[in-house]
Amino acid sequence: MSAEALQVSTAAQSQPVTPPAPTRNQMAARKAAEDFESVFINEFLGTMFDGISTDGPFGGGPGEGMFRSLMLDQYAKQLAHQGGFGLADAVTRELTLMQAEHS
């Protein structure tokens, strides 16, 4: 590691870690929580669909394999928006509590 890179690294490590600025907007907290749940559901669905092949007489072939991630992303967003696993509710509640503690 060069001396300059070492100085930058040391300077970055010596800075205090600041918590994210609280938002008083409940809708923004809910949106962030739903986005988080959507990513979680997307990973869950991706694992579930990994073993399904795209071959066969009615399969989509290579195109289906390429666009599957986009389909799963939309499925995850819809599931999260319609209630999902209930994770967004818990995350929203915790975000609100954390913001109340820091204000």
Protein backbone atom coordinates (compact mmCIF):
# COMPACT_ATOMS: atom_id res chain seq x y z
CA MET A 1 0.00 0.00 0.00
CA SER A 2 1.36 3.42 -0.90
CA ALA A 3 1.95 6.12 1.69
CA GLU A 4 -0.83 8.27 0.23
CA ALA A 5 -3.33 5.41 0.34
CA LEU A 6 -2.28 4.68 3.92
CA GLN A 7 -2.89 8.32 4.89
CA VAL A 8 -6.35 8.30 3.30
CA SER A 9 -7.20 5.02 5.01
CA THR A 10 -6.00 6.28 8.39
CA ALA A 11 -7.91 9.55 7.99
CA ALA A 12 -11.10 7.69 7.08
CA GLN A 13 -10.77 5.41 10.08
CA SER A 14 -10.21 8.29 12.49
CA GLN A 15 -13.46 10.04 11.52
CA PRO A 16 -16.39 9.36 13.86
CA VAL A 17 -19.22 7.31 12.43
CA THR A 18 -22.35 9.41 12.25
CA PRO A 19 -25.79 7.82 12.26
CA PRO A 20 -28.05 8.52 9.29
CA ALA A 21 -30.09 11.67 9.56
CA PRO A 22 -33.57 10.92 10.85
CA THR A 23 -36.51 11.56 8.60
CA ARG A 24 -39.74 12.59 10.15
CA ASN A 25 -41.64 11.48 7.09
CA GLN A 26 -43.50 8.26 7.92
CA MET A 27 -44.16 7.62 4.22
CA ALA A 28 -40.42 7.68 3.45
CA ALA A 29 -39.77 5.21 6.25
CA ARG A 30 -42.53 2.93 4.94
CA LYS A 31 -41.15 3.14 1.38
CA ALA A 32 -37.65 2.25 2.57
CA ALA A 33 -39.05 -0.67 4.57
CA GLU A 34 -41.03 -1.96 1.57
CA ASP A 35 -37.96 -1.65 -0.66
CA PHE A 36 -35.95 -3.64 1.89
CA GLU A 37 -38.63 -6.33 2.05
CA SER A 38 -38.75 -6.42 -1.76
CA VAL A 39 -35.01 -7.16 -1.92
CA PHE A 40 -35.44 -9.89 0.71
CA ILE A 41 -38.32 -11.49 -1.22
CA ASN A 42 -36.37 -11.22 -4.48
CA GLU A 43 -33.49 -13.20 -2.96
CA PHE A 44 -35.96 -15.74 -1.61
CA LEU A 45 -37.65 -16.16 -5.00
CA GLY A 46 -34.31 -16.28 -6.82
CA THR A 47 -33.24 -19.23 -4.72
CA MET A 48 -36.58 -20.90 -5.29
CA PHE A 49 -36.37 -20.50 -9.09
CA ASP A 50 -32.70 -21.56 -9.39
CA GLY A 51 -33.54 -25.21 -9.98
CA ILE A 52 -36.14 -24.62 -12.69
CA SER A 53 -34.77 -25.13 -16.18
CA THR A 54 -35.88 -23.01 -19.13
CA ASP A 55 -35.69 -25.86 -21.63
CA GLY A 56 -38.51 -27.91 -23.04
CA PRO A 57 -41.17 -27.51 -25.70
CA PHE A 58 -42.82 -24.57 -23.93
CA GLY A 59 -39.74 -23.06 -22.30
CA GLY A 60 -38.45 -19.63 -23.16
CA GLY A 61 -34.89 -20.81 -23.80
CA PRO A 62 -31.97 -18.45 -23.18
CA GLY A 63 -34.23 -15.38 -23.25
CA GLU A 64 -36.20 -16.65 -20.29
CA GLY A 65 -32.99 -17.21 -18.37
CA MET A 66 -31.86 -13.64 -19.08
CA PHE A 67 -35.12 -11.97 -18.13
CA ARG A 68 -36.02 -14.14 -15.15
CA SER A 69 -34.31 -11.77 -12.73
CA LEU A 70 -36.45 -8.88 -13.99
CA MET A 71 -39.60 -10.97 -13.58
CA LEU A 72 -38.62 -11.98 -10.05
CA ASP A 73 -37.89 -8.36 -9.19
CA GLN A 74 -41.41 -7.37 -10.23
CA TYR A 75 -42.93 -10.31 -8.35
CA ALA A 76 -41.01 -9.26 -5.23
CA LYS A 77 -42.13 -5.63 -5.51
CA GLN A 78 -45.77 -6.66 -5.86
CA LEU A 79 -45.58 -9.12 -2.98
CA ALA A 80 -43.96 -6.52 -0.73
CA HIS A 81 -46.52 -3.88 -1.73
CA GLN A 82 -49.40 -6.26 -0.94
CA GLY A 83 -48.13 -7.12 2.52
CA GLY A 84 -45.32 -9.55 1.77
CA PHE A 85 -44.01 -11.46 4.77
CA GLY A 86 -44.75 -8.67 7.24
CA LEU A 87 -41.11 -7.63 7.30
CA ALA A 88 -41.86 -4.07 6.14
CA ASP A 89 -44.13 -3.50 9.14
CA ALA A 90 -41.39 -4.53 11.57
CA VAL A 91 -38.73 -2.47 9.75
CA THR A 92 -41.00 0.60 9.67
CA ARG A 93 -41.66 0.25 13.39
CA GLU A 94 -37.93 -0.05 14.17
CA LEU A 95 -37.02 2.89 11.91
CA THR A 96 -39.61 5.04 13.65
CA LEU A 97 -38.33 4.02 17.09
CA MET A 98 -34.72 4.69 16.13
CA GLN A 99 -35.62 8.11 14.77
CA ALA A 100 -37.52 8.96 17.94
CA GLU A 101 -34.49 8.00 20.05
CA HIS A 102 -32.12 10.20 18.01
CA SER A 103 -34.33 13.28 18.00
